[in-house]
Amino acid sequence: MSMFDQLKSGPVVKFEKLRPNQINPGDVFGRLTARWETKVEKGRTWRWCRCTCGKEGWFAETRLRSSQNVSCGCAFKEKFGIEKKI
């Protein structure tokens, strides 16, 4: 197949199989919104998330799916009125 024929037929797009509980950018977990960045460390997949309070950080995807992480810690502080002391 010539290059011209490939251009006529259009680009070949491969769709990867979606995992049943795959986390996509923009998914919301409590106060956390998933972003594009991911990393794998020690067999766990981590997702960069932004909290509604403005803080950002890495959160394990398993903890996001199971609702163990719903905020960066600001919800706990609001609920119990705890301020970080230095």
N, C-alpha and C. Protein backbone atom coordinates (compact mmCIF):
# COMPACT_ATOMS: atom_id res chain seq x y z
N MET A 1 0.85 -1.17 0.00
CA MET A 1 0.00 0.00 0.00
C MET A 1 0.90 1.23 0.00
N SER A 2 0.62 2.14 -0.92
CA SER A 2 1.44 3.33 -1.01
C SER A 2 1.03 4.33 0.06
N MET A 3 1.88 5.33 0.25
CA MET A 3 1.59 6.36 1.24
C MET A 3 0.32 7.12 0.85
N PHE A 4 0.10 7.31 -0.46
CA PHE A 4 -1.08 8.03 -0.92
C PHE A 4 -2.36 7.27 -0.56
N ASP A 5 -2.33 5.93 -0.71
CA ASP A 5 -3.49 5.11 -0.36
C ASP A 5 -3.78 5.18 1.14
N GLN A 6 -2.72 5.24 1.95
CA GLN A 6 -2.92 5.34 3.40
C GLN A 6 -3.57 6.66 3.75
N LEU A 7 -3.19 7.74 3.06
CA LEU A 7 -3.78 9.04 3.34
C LEU A 7 -5.26 9.06 2.95
N LYS A 8 -5.61 8.40 1.84
CA LYS A 8 -6.99 8.36 1.39
C LYS A 8 -7.88 7.60 2.38
N SER A 9 -7.35 6.52 2.90
CA SER A 9 -8.17 5.69 3.79
C SER A 9 -8.28 6.29 5.19
N GLY A 10 -7.45 7.25 5.51
CA GLY A 10 -7.50 7.88 6.83
C GLY A 10 -6.61 7.17 7.81
N PRO A 11 -6.39 7.78 8.95
CA PRO A 11 -5.50 7.19 9.94
C PRO A 11 -6.14 5.96 10.60
N VAL A 12 -5.31 5.05 10.99
CA VAL A 12 -5.79 3.86 11.70
C VAL A 12 -5.79 4.21 13.18
N VAL A 13 -6.94 4.06 13.79
CA VAL A 13 -7.08 4.39 15.21
C VAL A 13 -7.30 3.10 15.98
N LYS A 14 -6.47 2.88 16.97
CA LYS A 14 -6.62 1.71 17.83
C LYS A 14 -7.31 2.14 19.11
N PHE A 15 -8.33 1.41 19.48
CA PHE A 15 -9.02 1.68 20.73
C PHE A 15 -8.60 0.61 21.72
N GLU A 16 -8.06 1.05 22.84
CA GLU A 16 -7.69 0.07 23.85
C GLU A 16 -8.92 -0.35 24.60
N LYS A 17 -8.90 -1.59 25.09
CA LYS A 17 -10.04 -2.08 25.85
C LYS A 17 -10.13 -1.30 27.16
N LEU A 18 -11.31 -0.86 27.47
CA LEU A 18 -11.51 -0.13 28.72
C LEU A 18 -11.68 -1.12 29.86
N ARG A 19 -10.96 -0.87 30.93
CA ARG A 19 -11.14 -1.69 32.11
C ARG A 19 -12.48 -1.32 32.72
N PRO A 20 -13.16 -2.24 33.40
CA PRO A 20 -14.47 -1.93 33.93
C PRO A 20 -14.48 -0.75 34.91
N ASN A 21 -13.44 -0.61 35.72
CA ASN A 21 -13.41 0.51 36.67
C ASN A 21 -12.29 1.47 36.32
N GLN A 22 -12.07 1.71 35.06
CA GLN A 22 -10.99 2.61 34.66
C GLN A 22 -11.34 4.05 35.07
N ILE A 23 -10.33 4.75 35.56
CA ILE A 23 -10.50 6.15 35.95
C ILE A 23 -10.06 7.02 34.79
N ASN A 24 -10.91 7.92 34.38
CA ASN A 24 -10.62 8.82 33.27
C ASN A 24 -10.46 10.24 33.79
N PRO A 25 -9.70 11.07 33.09
CA PRO A 25 -9.56 12.46 33.50
C PRO A 25 -10.93 13.13 33.56
N GLY A 26 -11.15 13.87 34.64
CA GLY A 26 -12.44 14.55 34.82
C GLY A 26 -13.39 13.80 35.74
N ASP A 27 -13.09 12.53 36.03
CA ASP A 27 -13.92 11.77 36.97
C ASP A 27 -13.80 12.40 38.36
N VAL A 28 -14.91 12.46 39.07
CA VAL A 28 -14.95 13.11 40.39
C VAL A 28 -15.16 12.06 41.46
N PHE A 29 -14.35 12.14 42.51
CA PHE A 29 -14.43 11.25 43.66
C PHE A 29 -14.52 12.13 44.90
N GLY A 30 -15.74 12.37 45.37
CA GLY A 30 -15.93 13.28 46.49
C GLY A 30 -15.54 14.70 46.08
N ARG A 31 -14.48 15.22 46.68
CA ARG A 31 -13.98 16.55 46.33
C ARG A 31 -12.81 16.50 45.35
N LEU A 32 -12.36 15.30 45.00
CA LEU A 32 -11.20 15.15 44.13
C LEU A 32 -11.62 14.94 42.67
N THR A 33 -10.92 15.63 41.77
CA THR A 33 -11.13 15.47 40.33
C THR A 33 -9.86 14.89 39.73
N ALA A 34 -10.01 13.78 39.02
CA ALA A 34 -8.86 13.10 38.41
C ALA A 34 -8.31 13.92 37.26
N ARG A 35 -6.99 13.94 37.14
CA ARG A 35 -6.30 14.65 36.06
C ARG A 35 -5.69 13.64 35.11
N TRP A 36 -4.94 14.11 34.09
CA TRP A 36 -4.34 13.23 33.08
C TRP A 36 -3.18 12.41 33.61
N GLU A 37 -2.38 12.95 34.51
CA GLU A 37 -1.12 12.32 34.90
C GLU A 37 -1.37 11.06 35.74
N THR A 38 -0.65 9.99 35.40
CA THR A 38 -0.67 8.77 36.19
C THR A 38 0.76 8.28 36.35
N LYS A 39 0.99 7.47 37.36
CA LYS A 39 2.29 6.83 37.54
C LYS A 39 2.05 5.48 38.20
N VAL A 40 2.99 4.58 38.01
CA VAL A 40 2.92 3.27 38.63
C VAL A 40 4.14 3.11 39.52
N GLU A 41 3.89 2.82 40.79
CA GLU A 41 4.96 2.61 41.76
C GLU A 41 4.62 1.40 42.61
N LYS A 42 5.55 0.46 42.67
CA LYS A 42 5.39 -0.73 43.50
C LYS A 42 4.08 -1.46 43.19
N GLY A 43 3.71 -1.51 41.94
CA GLY A 43 2.52 -2.24 41.53
C GLY A 43 1.21 -1.50 41.71
N ARG A 44 1.25 -0.29 42.20
CA ARG A 44 0.03 0.50 42.38
C ARG A 44 -0.01 1.63 41.37
N THR A 45 -1.20 1.91 40.86
CA THR A 45 -1.37 3.02 39.93
C THR A 45 -1.84 4.23 40.72
N TRP A 46 -1.15 5.34 40.51
CA TRP A 46 -1.45 6.59 41.21
C TRP A 46 -1.97 7.60 40.21
N ARG A 47 -2.93 8.41 40.61
CA ARG A 47 -3.54 9.42 39.74
C ARG A 47 -3.36 10.80 40.39
N TRP A 48 -2.95 11.77 39.57
CA TRP A 48 -2.82 13.15 40.04
C TRP A 48 -4.22 13.74 40.10
N CYS A 49 -4.61 14.26 41.24
CA CYS A 49 -5.96 14.80 41.44
C CYS A 49 -5.91 16.22 41.99
N ARG A 50 -6.97 16.95 41.72
CA ARG A 50 -7.11 18.30 42.27
C ARG A 50 -8.35 18.32 43.17
N CYS A 51 -8.17 18.87 44.36
CA CYS A 51 -9.26 18.99 45.33
C CYS A 51 -10.01 20.30 45.08
N THR A 52 -11.23 20.37 45.55
CA THR A 52 -12.01 21.60 45.38
C THR A 52 -11.42 22.78 46.15
N CYS A 53 -10.60 22.49 47.17
CA CYS A 53 -9.96 23.57 47.93
C CYS A 53 -8.75 24.15 47.19
N GLY A 54 -8.32 23.47 46.10
CA GLY A 54 -7.21 23.97 45.29
C GLY A 54 -5.92 23.17 45.40
N LYS A 55 -5.82 22.30 46.40
CA LYS A 55 -4.61 21.50 46.55
C LYS A 55 -4.60 20.37 45.54
N GLU A 56 -3.40 19.94 45.14
CA GLU A 56 -3.24 18.83 44.20
C GLU A 56 -2.29 17.81 44.79
N GLY A 57 -2.43 16.56 44.36
CA GLY A 57 -1.53 15.53 44.84
C GLY A 57 -1.82 14.19 44.21
N TRP A 58 -0.95 13.20 44.52
CA TRP A 58 -1.09 11.84 44.01
C TRP A 58 -1.97 11.03 44.94
N PHE A 59 -2.90 10.26 44.36
CA PHE A 59 -3.79 9.40 45.12
C PHE A 59 -3.85 8.04 44.43
N ALA A 60 -3.84 6.97 45.21
CA ALA A 60 -3.91 5.61 44.66
C ALA A 60 -5.30 5.40 44.05
N GLU A 61 -5.31 4.84 42.82
CA GLU A 61 -6.59 4.62 42.13
C GLU A 61 -7.50 3.69 42.92
N THR A 62 -6.93 2.68 43.60
CA THR A 62 -7.76 1.75 44.37
C THR A 62 -8.47 2.48 45.50
N ARG A 63 -7.80 3.44 46.11
CA ARG A 63 -8.41 4.20 47.21
C ARG A 63 -9.46 5.18 46.68
N LEU A 64 -9.28 5.68 45.48
CA LEU A 64 -10.29 6.56 44.88
C LEU A 64 -11.56 5.76 44.57
N ARG A 65 -11.38 4.58 43.94
CA ARG A 65 -12.53 3.75 43.56
C ARG A 65 -13.32 3.27 44.77
N SER A 66 -12.63 2.98 45.87
CA SER A 66 -13.31 2.46 47.06
C SER A 66 -13.76 3.57 48.00
N SER A 67 -13.64 4.82 47.59
CA SER A 67 -14.06 6.00 48.38
C SER A 67 -13.30 6.15 49.69
N GLN A 68 -12.08 5.62 49.76
CA GLN A 68 -11.26 5.83 50.95
C GLN A 68 -10.63 7.21 50.94
N ASN A 69 -10.43 7.79 49.76
CA ASN A 69 -9.96 9.17 49.63
C ASN A 69 -11.07 9.97 48.98
N VAL A 70 -11.60 10.95 49.70
CA VAL A 70 -12.63 11.81 49.11
C VAL A 70 -12.18 13.26 49.06
N SER A 71 -11.05 13.55 49.69
CA SER A 71 -10.50 14.91 49.65
C SER A 71 -9.01 14.84 49.98
N CYS A 72 -8.36 16.00 49.94
CA CYS A 72 -6.93 16.06 50.26
C CYS A 72 -6.69 16.04 51.76
N GLY A 73 -7.74 16.07 52.52
CA GLY A 73 -7.65 16.14 53.97
C GLY A 73 -8.46 17.31 54.50
N CYS A 74 -8.92 18.16 53.59
CA CYS A 74 -9.67 19.35 54.01
C CYS A 74 -11.04 18.98 54.58
N ALA A 75 -11.66 17.90 54.10
CA ALA A 75 -12.97 17.48 54.61
C ALA A 75 -12.84 17.05 56.08
N PHE A 76 -11.77 16.33 56.40
CA PHE A 76 -11.52 15.90 57.78
C PHE A 76 -11.33 17.12 58.68
N LYS A 77 -10.54 18.08 58.19
CA LYS A 77 -10.26 19.27 58.98
C LYS A 77 -11.53 20.07 59.22
N GLU A 78 -12.39 20.17 58.20
CA GLU A 78 -13.65 20.90 58.36
C GLU A 78 -14.59 20.17 59.32
N LYS A 79 -14.65 18.85 59.22
CA LYS A 79 -15.55 18.07 60.05
C LYS A 79 -15.18 18.15 61.52
N PHE A 80 -13.89 18.06 61.81
CA PHE A 80 -13.45 18.02 63.19
C PHE A 80 -12.84 19.34 63.68
N GLY A 81 -12.77 20.32 62.83
CA GLY A 81 -12.25 21.63 63.23
C GLY A 81 -10.78 21.61 63.62
N ILE A 82 -10.02 20.75 62.95
CA ILE A 82 -8.59 20.61 63.29
C ILE A 82 -7.77 21.51 62.39
N GLU A 83 -6.90 22.29 62.99
CA GLU A 83 -5.96 23.14 62.26
C GLU A 83 -4.58 22.52 62.40
N LYS A 84 -3.80 22.58 61.34
CA LYS A 84 -2.44 22.04 61.40
C LYS A 84 -1.57 22.94 62.27
N LYS A 85 -0.93 22.34 63.26
CA LYS A 85 -0.07 23.10 64.16
C LYS A 85 1.39 22.79 63.85
N ILE A 86 2.20 23.81 63.88
CA ILE A 86 3.62 23.63 63.59
C ILE A 86 4.42 23.52 64.86
